[in-house]
PDB file of N, CA and C in Angstrom:
ATOM      1  N   MET A   1      21.533  10.157   2.983  1.00  0.00           N
ATOM      2  CA  MET A   1      21.768  11.565   3.149  1.00  0.00           C
ATOM      3  C   MET A   1      20.628  12.377   2.524  1.00  0.00           C
ATOM      4  N   VAL A   2      20.168  11.977   1.330  1.00  0.00           N
ATOM      5  CA  VAL A   2      19.083  12.709   0.671  1.00  0.00           C
ATOM      6  C   VAL A   2      17.824  12.675   1.521  1.00  0.00           C
ATOM      7  N   ASN A   3      17.487  11.516   2.069  1.00  0.00           N
ATOM      8  CA  ASN A   3      16.262  11.415   2.851  1.00  0.00           C
ATOM      9  C   ASN A   3      16.371  12.172   4.171  1.00  0.00           C
ATOM     10  N   GLY A   4      17.578  12.376   4.667  1.00  0.00           N
ATOM     11  CA  GLY A   4      17.763  13.101   5.912  1.00  0.00           C
ATOM     12  C   GLY A   4      17.641  14.613   5.772  1.00  0.00           C
ATOM     13  N   ALA A   5      17.615  15.111   4.541  1.00  0.00           N
ATOM     14  CA  ALA A   5      17.498  16.556   4.308  1.00  0.00           C
ATOM     15  C   ALA A   5      16.038  16.963   4.475  1.00  0.00           C
ATOM     16  N   THR A   6      15.698  17.444   5.666  1.00  0.00           N
ATOM     17  CA  THR A   6      14.297  17.755   5.954  1.00  0.00           C
ATOM     18  C   THR A   6      13.895  19.167   5.552  1.00  0.00           C
ATOM     19  N   ASP A   7      14.859  20.019   5.182  1.00  0.00           N
ATOM     20  CA  ASP A   7      14.518  21.376   4.773  1.00  0.00           C
ATOM     21  C   ASP A   7      14.606  21.576   3.260  1.00  0.00           C
ATOM     22  N   THR A   8      14.834  20.489   2.532  1.00  0.00           N
ATOM     23  CA  THR A   8      14.938  20.533   1.081  1.00  0.00           C
ATOM     24  C   THR A   8      14.142  19.381   0.483  1.00  0.00           C
ATOM     25  N   ALA A   9      13.266  19.705  -0.467  1.00  0.00           N
ATOM     26  CA  ALA A   9      12.505  18.668  -1.155  1.00  0.00           C
ATOM     27  C   ALA A   9      13.357  18.087  -2.277  1.00  0.00           C
ATOM     28  N   VAL A  10      13.547  16.776  -2.259  1.00  0.00           N
ATOM     29  CA  VAL A  10      14.229  16.074  -3.339  1.00  0.00           C
ATOM     30  C   VAL A  10      13.231  15.064  -3.888  1.00  0.00           C
ATOM     31  N   ILE A  11      12.780  15.328  -5.114  1.00  0.00           N
ATOM     32  CA  ILE A  11      11.719  14.535  -5.722  1.00  0.00           C
ATOM     33  C   ILE A  11      12.209  14.054  -7.077  1.00  0.00           C
ATOM     34  N   SER A  12      12.003  12.782  -7.369  1.00  0.00           N
ATOM     35  CA  SER A  12      12.315  12.244  -8.690  1.00  0.00           C
ATOM     36  C   SER A  12      11.028  11.743  -9.326  1.00  0.00           C
ATOM     37  N   THR A  13      10.973  11.875 -10.658  1.00  0.00           N
ATOM     38  CA  THR A  13       9.820  11.374 -11.398  1.00  0.00           C
ATOM     39  C   THR A  13      10.300  10.599 -12.613  1.00  0.00           C
ATOM     40  N   ASP A  14       9.393   9.866 -13.214  1.00  0.00           N
ATOM     41  CA  ASP A  14       9.693   9.272 -14.503  1.00  0.00           C
ATOM     42  C   ASP A  14       9.367  10.299 -15.584  1.00  0.00           C
ATOM     43  N   GLN A  15       9.458   9.919 -16.846  1.00  0.00           N
ATOM     44  CA  GLN A  15       9.249  10.869 -17.938  1.00  0.00           C
ATOM     45  C   GLN A  15       7.811  11.355 -18.049  1.00  0.00           C
ATOM     46  N   ARG A  16       6.881  10.678 -17.406  1.00  0.00           N
ATOM     47  CA  ARG A  16       5.482  11.114 -17.416  1.00  0.00           C
ATOM     48  C   ARG A  16       5.146  12.015 -16.239  1.00  0.00           C
ATOM     49  N   GLY A  17       6.121  12.225 -15.333  1.00  0.00           N
ATOM     50  CA  GLY A  17       5.880  13.048 -14.154  1.00  0.00           C
ATOM     51  C   GLY A  17       5.300  12.274 -12.990  1.00  0.00           C
ATOM     52  N   ILE A  18       5.420  10.950 -13.035  1.00  0.00           N
ATOM     53  CA  ILE A  18       4.963  10.101 -11.941  1.00  0.00           C
ATOM     54  C   ILE A  18       6.087   9.997 -10.912  1.00  0.00           C
ATOM     55  N   VAL A  19       5.773  10.262  -9.662  1.00  0.00           N
ATOM     56  CA  VAL A  19       6.777  10.294  -8.596  1.00  0.00           C
ATOM     57  C   VAL A  19       7.371   8.906  -8.369  1.00  0.00           C
ATOM     58  N   THR A  20       8.713   8.847  -8.414  1.00  0.00           N
ATOM     59  CA  THR A  20       9.441   7.604  -8.162  1.00  0.00           C
ATOM     60  C   THR A  20      10.242   7.657  -6.863  1.00  0.00           C
ATOM     61  N   SER A  21      10.506   8.863  -6.369  1.00  0.00           N
ATOM     62  CA  SER A  21      11.122   9.001  -5.039  1.00  0.00           C
ATOM     63  C   SER A  21      10.710  10.336  -4.452  1.00  0.00           C
ATOM     64  N   TRP A  22      10.633  10.360  -3.129  1.00  0.00           N
ATOM     65  CA  TRP A  22      10.095  11.509  -2.388  1.00  0.00           C
ATOM     66  C   TRP A  22      10.788  11.508  -1.044  1.00  0.00           C
ATOM     67  N   ASN A  23      11.657  12.483  -0.786  1.00  0.00           N
ATOM     68  CA  ASN A  23      12.394  12.447   0.477  1.00  0.00           C
ATOM     69  C   ASN A  23      11.570  13.033   1.627  1.00  0.00           C
ATOM     70  N   SER A  24      12.098  12.904   2.821  1.00  0.00           N
ATOM     71  CA  SER A  24      11.374  13.393   4.004  1.00  0.00           C
ATOM     72  C   SER A  24      11.206  14.908   3.967  1.00  0.00           C
ATOM     73  N   GLY A  25      12.153  15.627   3.332  1.00  0.00           N
ATOM     74  CA  GLY A  25      12.018  17.071   3.194  1.00  0.00           C
ATOM     75  C   GLY A  25      10.801  17.439   2.362  1.00  0.00           C
ATOM     76  N   ALA A  26      10.554  16.691   1.296  1.00  0.00           N
ATOM     77  CA  ALA A  26       9.357  16.930   0.480  1.00  0.00           C
ATOM     78  C   ALA A  26       8.110  16.718   1.333  1.00  0.00           C
ATOM     79  N   GLY A  27       8.146  15.702   2.174  1.00  0.00           N
ATOM     80  CA  GLY A  27       7.015  15.451   3.071  1.00  0.00           C
ATOM     81  C   GLY A  27       6.814  16.591   4.057  1.00  0.00           C
ATOM     82  N   CYS A  28       7.907  17.103   4.619  1.00  0.00           N
ATOM     83  CA  CYS A  28       7.803  18.222   5.571  1.00  0.00           C
ATOM     84  C   CYS A  28       7.280  19.482   4.895  1.00  0.00           C
ATOM     85  N   ILE A  29       7.768  19.766   3.702  1.00  0.00           N
ATOM     86  CA  ILE A  29       7.405  20.999   3.011  1.00  0.00           C
ATOM     87  C   ILE A  29       6.011  20.915   2.390  1.00  0.00           C
ATOM     88  N   LEU A  30       5.689  19.784   1.769  1.00  0.00           N
ATOM     89  CA  LEU A  30       4.455  19.677   0.991  1.00  0.00           C
ATOM     90  C   LEU A  30       3.324  18.942   1.713  1.00  0.00           C
ATOM     91  N   GLY A  31       3.657  18.172   2.727  1.00  0.00           N
ATOM     92  CA  GLY A  31       2.621  17.543   3.546  1.00  0.00           C
ATOM     93  C   GLY A  31       2.263  16.110   3.194  1.00  0.00           C
ATOM     94  N   TRP A  32       2.540  15.674   1.958  1.00  0.00           N
ATOM     95  CA  TRP A  32       2.252  14.291   1.591  1.00  0.00           C
ATOM     96  C   TRP A  32       3.411  13.407   2.011  1.00  0.00           C
ATOM     97  N   SER A  33       3.116  12.231   2.484  1.00  0.00           N
ATOM     98  CA  SER A  33       4.166  11.273   2.829  1.00  0.00           C
ATOM     99  C   SER A  33       4.648  10.577   1.556  1.00  0.00           C
ATOM    100  N   GLU A  34       5.777   9.914   1.653  1.00  0.00           N
ATOM    101  CA  GLU A  34       6.296   9.167   0.498  1.00  0.00           C
ATOM    102  C   GLU A  34       5.283   8.134  -0.013  1.00  0.00           C
ATOM    103  N   PRO A  35       4.675   7.319   0.859  1.00  0.00           N
ATOM    104  CA  PRO A  35       3.698   6.353   0.341  1.00  0.00           C
ATOM    105  C   PRO A  35       2.503   7.013  -0.358  1.00  0.00           C
ATOM    106  N   GLU A  36       2.126   8.214   0.072  1.00  0.00           N
ATOM    107  CA  GLU A  36       1.012   8.914  -0.571  1.00  0.00           C
ATOM    108  C   GLU A  36       1.377   9.433  -1.962  1.00  0.00           C
ATOM    109  N   MET A  37       2.657   9.682  -2.211  1.00  0.00           N
ATOM    110  CA  MET A  37       3.068  10.274  -3.484  1.00  0.00           C
ATOM    111  C   MET A  37       3.665   9.294  -4.482  1.00  0.00           C
ATOM    112  N   LEU A  38       4.269   8.220  -4.009  1.00  0.00           N
ATOM    113  CA  LEU A  38       4.868   7.272  -4.951  1.00  0.00           C
ATOM    114  C   LEU A  38       3.806   6.747  -5.912  1.00  0.00           C
ATOM    115  N   GLY A  39       4.110   6.817  -7.195  1.00  0.00           N
ATOM    116  CA  GLY A  39       3.185   6.353  -8.217  1.00  0.00           C
ATOM    117  C   GLY A  39       2.119   7.361  -8.616  1.00  0.00           C
ATOM    118  N   LYS A  40       2.147   8.547  -7.999  1.00  0.00           N
ATOM    119  CA  LYS A  40       1.165   9.598  -8.298  1.00  0.00           C
ATOM    120  C   LYS A  40       1.815  10.687  -9.155  1.00  0.00           C
ATOM    121  N   SER A  41       0.993  11.487  -9.820  1.00  0.00           N
ATOM    122  CA  SER A  41       1.496  12.570 -10.646  1.00  0.00           C
ATOM    123  C   SER A  41       1.982  13.726  -9.785  1.00  0.00           C
ATOM    124  N   LEU A  42       3.127  14.277 -10.149  1.00  0.00           N
ATOM    125  CA  LEU A  42       3.648  15.452  -9.454  1.00  0.00           C
ATOM    126  C   LEU A  42       2.802  16.684  -9.764  1.00  0.00           C
ATOM    127  N   GLY A  43       1.930  16.593 -10.754  1.00  0.00           N
ATOM    128  CA  GLY A  43       1.065  17.702 -11.119  1.00  0.00           C
ATOM    129  C   GLY A  43       0.228  18.227  -9.976  1.00  0.00           C
ATOM    130  N   ARG A  44      -0.007  17.404  -8.970  1.00  0.00           N
ATOM    131  CA  ARG A  44      -0.848  17.847  -7.848  1.00  0.00           C
ATOM    132  C   ARG A  44      -0.217  18.962  -7.025  1.00  0.00           C
ATOM    133  N   ILE A  45       1.082  19.199  -7.153  1.00  0.00           N
ATOM    134  CA  ILE A  45       1.700  20.263  -6.354  1.00  0.00           C
ATOM    135  C   ILE A  45       1.625  21.627  -7.025  1.00  0.00           C
ATOM    136  N   PHE A  46       1.198  21.694  -8.288  1.00  0.00           N
ATOM    137  CA  PHE A  46       1.104  22.976  -8.981  1.00  0.00           C
ATOM    138  C   PHE A  46      -0.209  23.646  -8.631  1.00  0.00           C
ATOM    139  N   ALA A  47      -0.128  24.917  -8.252  1.00  0.00           N
ATOM    140  CA  ALA A  47      -1.279  25.619  -7.691  1.00  0.00           C
ATOM    141  C   ALA A  47      -2.121  26.365  -8.714  1.00  0.00           C
ATOM    142  N   ASP A  48      -1.747  26.316  -9.975  1.00  0.00           N
ATOM    143  CA  ASP A  48      -2.429  27.164 -10.947  1.00  0.00           C
ATOM    144  C   ASP A  48      -3.657  26.535 -11.582  1.00  0.00           C
ATOM    145  N   GLY A  49      -4.069  25.358 -11.157  1.00  0.00           N
ATOM    146  CA  GLY A  49      -5.281  24.740 -11.681  1.00  0.00           C
ATOM    147  C   GLY A  49      -5.063  23.878 -12.916  1.00  0.00           C
ATOM    148  N   ASP A  50      -3.923  24.019 -13.587  1.00  0.00           N
ATOM    149  CA  ASP A  50      -3.630  23.162 -14.726  1.00  0.00           C
ATOM    150  C   ASP A  50      -2.350  22.374 -14.456  1.00  0.00           C
ATOM    151  N   GLY A  51      -2.282  21.815 -13.278  1.00  0.00           N
ATOM    152  CA  GLY A  51      -1.071  21.136 -12.820  1.00  0.00           C
ATOM    153  C   GLY A  51      -0.557  20.079 -13.763  1.00  0.00           C
ATOM    154  N   GLN A  52      -1.449  19.218 -14.283  1.00  0.00           N
ATOM    155  CA  GLN A  52      -0.991  18.151 -15.149  1.00  0.00           C
ATOM    156  C   GLN A  52      -0.456  18.712 -16.466  1.00  0.00           C
ATOM    157  N   ALA A  53      -1.131  19.710 -17.029  1.00  0.00           N
ATOM    158  CA  ALA A  53      -0.668  20.319 -18.278  1.00  0.00           C
ATOM    159  C   ALA A  53       0.668  21.034 -18.067  1.00  0.00           C
ATOM    160  N   ARG A  54       0.770  21.737 -16.965  1.00  0.00           N
ATOM    161  CA  ARG A  54       2.018  22.451 -16.660  1.00  0.00           C
ATOM    162  C   ARG A  54       3.160  21.471 -16.448  1.00  0.00           C
ATOM    163  N   LEU A  55       2.897  20.392 -15.748  1.00  0.00           N
ATOM    164  CA  LEU A  55       3.908  19.366 -15.529  1.00  0.00           C
ATOM    165  C   LEU A  55       4.331  18.756 -16.864  1.00  0.00           C
ATOM    166  N   SER A  56       3.394  18.481 -17.738  1.00  0.00           N
ATOM    167  CA  SER A  56       3.721  17.908 -19.050  1.00  0.00           C
ATOM    168  C   SER A  56       4.643  18.833 -19.834  1.00  0.00           C
ATOM    169  N   ARG A  57       4.361  20.135 -19.811  1.00  0.00           N
ATOM    170  CA  ARG A  57       5.227  21.101 -20.507  1.00  0.00           C
ATOM    171  C   ARG A  57       6.628  21.104 -19.901  1.00  0.00           C
ATOM    172  N   LYS A  58       6.716  21.058 -18.575  1.00  0.00           N
ATOM    173  CA  LYS A  58       8.020  21.051 -17.915  1.00  0.00           C
ATOM    174  C   LYS A  58       8.795  19.775 -18.245  1.00  0.00           C
ATOM    175  N   MET A  59       8.100  18.639 -18.292  1.00  0.00           N
ATOM    176  CA  MET A  59       8.759  17.377 -18.618  1.00  0.00           C
ATOM    177  C   MET A  59       9.261  17.394 -20.062  1.00  0.00           C
ATOM    178  N   GLU A  60       8.461  17.913 -20.998  1.00  0.00           N
ATOM    179  CA  GLU A  60       8.895  18.017 -22.390  1.00  0.00           C
ATOM    180  C   GLU A  60      10.135  18.893 -22.500  1.00  0.00           C
ATOM    181  N   ASP A  61      10.152  20.010 -21.781  1.00  0.00           N
ATOM    182  CA  ASP A  61      11.299  20.907 -21.793  1.00  0.00           C
ATOM    183  C   ASP A  61      12.534  20.223 -21.206  1.00  0.00           C
ATOM    184  N   ALA A  62      12.335  19.486 -20.137  1.00  0.00           N
ATOM    185  CA  ALA A  62      13.460  18.783 -19.507  1.00  0.00           C
ATOM    186  C   ALA A  62      14.056  17.751 -20.457  1.00  0.00           C
ATOM    187  N   ILE A  63      13.210  17.024 -21.156  1.00  0.00           N
ATOM    188  CA  ILE A  63      13.690  16.002 -22.084  1.00  0.00           C
ATOM    189  C   ILE A  63      14.388  16.648 -23.274  1.00  0.00           C
ATOM    190  N   ALA A  64      13.809  17.715 -23.801  1.00  0.00           N
ATOM    191  CA  ALA A  64      14.358  18.364 -24.994  1.00  0.00           C
ATOM    192  C   ALA A  64      15.625  19.171 -24.713  1.00  0.00           C
ATOM    193  N   HIS A  65      15.696  19.807 -23.529  1.00  0.00           N
ATOM    194  CA  HIS A  65      16.780  20.748 -23.267  1.00  0.00           C
ATOM    195  C   HIS A  65      17.624  20.418 -22.045  1.00  0.00           C
ATOM    196  N   GLY A  66      17.318  19.347 -21.361  1.00  0.00           N
ATOM    197  CA  GLY A  66      18.101  18.978 -20.193  1.00  0.00           C
ATOM    198  C   GLY A  66      17.900  19.892 -19.000  1.00  0.00           C
ATOM    199  N   THR A  67      16.750  20.552 -18.949  1.00  0.00           N
ATOM    200  CA  THR A  67      16.440  21.431 -17.826  1.00  0.00           C
ATOM    201  C   THR A  67      15.331  20.802 -17.006  1.00  0.00           C
ATOM    202  N   GLY A  68      14.984  21.456 -15.938  1.00  0.00           N
ATOM    203  CA  GLY A  68      13.833  20.987 -15.177  1.00  0.00           C
ATOM    204  C   GLY A  68      14.085  20.965 -13.693  1.00  0.00           C
ATOM    205  N   GLY A  69      13.000  21.126 -12.977  1.00  0.00           N
ATOM    206  CA  GLY A  69      13.053  21.049 -11.532  1.00  0.00           C
ATOM    207  C   GLY A  69      13.481  22.339 -10.886  1.00  0.00           C
ATOM    208  N   GLY A  70      12.794  22.685  -9.840  1.00  0.00           N
ATOM    209  CA  GLY A  70      13.208  23.805  -9.035  1.00  0.00           C
ATOM    210  C   GLY A  70      12.824  25.185  -9.506  1.00  0.00           C
ATOM    211  N   GLU A  71      12.044  25.289 -10.587  1.00  0.00           N
ATOM    212  CA  GLU A  71      11.656  26.619 -11.033  1.00  0.00           C
ATOM    213  C   GLU A  71      10.746  27.270 -10.005  1.00  0.00           C
ATOM    214  N   GLU A  72      10.903  28.585  -9.858  1.00  0.00           N
ATOM    215  CA  GLU A  72      10.054  29.323  -8.924  1.00  0.00           C
ATOM    216  C   GLU A  72       8.609  29.316  -9.400  1.00  0.00           C
ATOM    217  N   GLY A  73       7.711  29.395  -8.459  1.00  0.00           N
ATOM    218  CA  GLY A  73       6.300  29.496  -8.785  1.00  0.00           C
ATOM    219  C   GLY A  73       5.447  29.056  -7.613  1.00  0.00           C
ATOM    220  N   TRP A  74       4.146  29.250  -7.755  1.00  0.00           N
ATOM    221  CA  TRP A  74       3.217  28.856  -6.703  1.00  0.00           C
ATOM    222  C   TRP A  74       3.041  27.352  -6.702  1.00  0.00           C
ATOM    223  N   ARG A  75       3.031  26.792  -5.518  1.00  0.00           N
ATOM    224  CA  ARG A  75       2.784  25.364  -5.321  1.00  0.00           C
ATOM    225  C   ARG A  75       1.695  25.218  -4.268  1.00  0.00           C
ATOM    226  N   VAL A  76       1.165  24.022  -4.166  1.00  0.00           N
ATOM    227  CA  VAL A  76       0.101  23.762  -3.198  1.00  0.00           C
ATOM    228  C   VAL A  76       0.491  22.572  -2.327  1.00  0.00           C
ATOM    229  N   ARG A  77       0.213  22.707  -1.049  1.00  0.00           N
ATOM    230  CA  ARG A  77       0.470  21.630  -0.091  1.00  0.00           C
ATOM    231  C   ARG A  77      -0.743  20.715   0.003  1.00  0.00           C
ATOM    232  N   LYS A  78      -0.562  19.610   0.668  1.00  0.00           N
ATOM    233  CA  LYS A  78      -1.645  18.646   0.860  1.00  0.00           C
ATOM    234  C   LYS A  78      -2.867  19.300   1.497  1.00  0.00           C
ATOM    235  N   ASP A  79      -2.642  20.224   2.414  1.00  0.00           N
ATOM    236  CA  ASP A  79      -3.766  20.869   3.100  1.00  0.00           C
ATOM    237  C   ASP A  79      -4.446  21.959   2.275  1.00  0.00           C
ATOM    238  N   GLY A  80      -3.947  22.167   1.030  1.00  0.00           N
ATOM    239  CA  GLY A  80      -4.536  23.154   0.143  1.00  0.00           C
ATOM    240  C   GLY A  80      -3.911  24.531   0.221  1.00  0.00           C
ATOM    241  N   SER A  81      -3.020  24.754   1.176  1.00  0.00           N
ATOM    242  CA  SER A  81      -2.380  26.068   1.277  1.00  0.00           C
ATOM    243  C   SER A  81      -1.379  26.241   0.134  1.00  0.00           C
ATOM    244  N   ARG A  82      -1.281  27.482  -0.319  1.00  0.00           N
ATOM    245  CA  ARG A  82      -0.368  27.822  -1.401  1.00  0.00           C
ATOM    246  C   ARG A  82       0.878  28.471  -0.833  1.00  0.00           C
ATOM    247  N   PHE A  83       2.000  28.253  -1.515  1.00  0.00           N
ATOM    248  CA  PHE A  83       3.255  28.901  -1.102  1.00  0.00           C
ATOM    249  C   PHE A  83       4.137  29.103  -2.323  1.00  0.00           C
ATOM    250  N   TRP A  84       5.047  30.055  -2.219  1.00  0.00           N
ATOM    251  CA  TRP A  84       5.970  30.350  -3.306  1.00  0.00           C
ATOM    252  C   TRP A  84       7.167  29.399  -3.220  1.00  0.00           C
ATOM    253  N   TRP A  85       7.370  28.618  -4.262  1.00  0.00           N
ATOM    254  CA  TRP A  85       8.455  27.636  -4.334  1.00  0.00           C
ATOM    255  C   TRP A  85       9.648  28.309  -5.020  1.00  0.00           C
ATOM    256  N   TYR A  86      10.782  28.327  -4.377  1.00  0.00           N
ATOM    257  CA  TYR A  86      11.968  28.940  -4.989  1.00  0.00           C
ATOM    258  C   TYR A  86      13.178  28.053  -4.870  1.00  0.00           C
TER     259      TYR A  86
END
């Protein structure tokens, strides 16, 4: 069911922000296929130029406070285009 959701990105990472699952919706929205993202840092989707640092801060917050994922902000697709993630 999760992989069939093509209009919603469902992405899982480990504690370092390395992608462990990537549904077809994430592929439709962001442009990378699951094989292209598995084992890679999710930092590549952040459009502000400090993707890895921003991802690290988000992961620390998630571990410390049980939050994370889905925050609004600019993201970047595989083709380099930017979009507002909400």
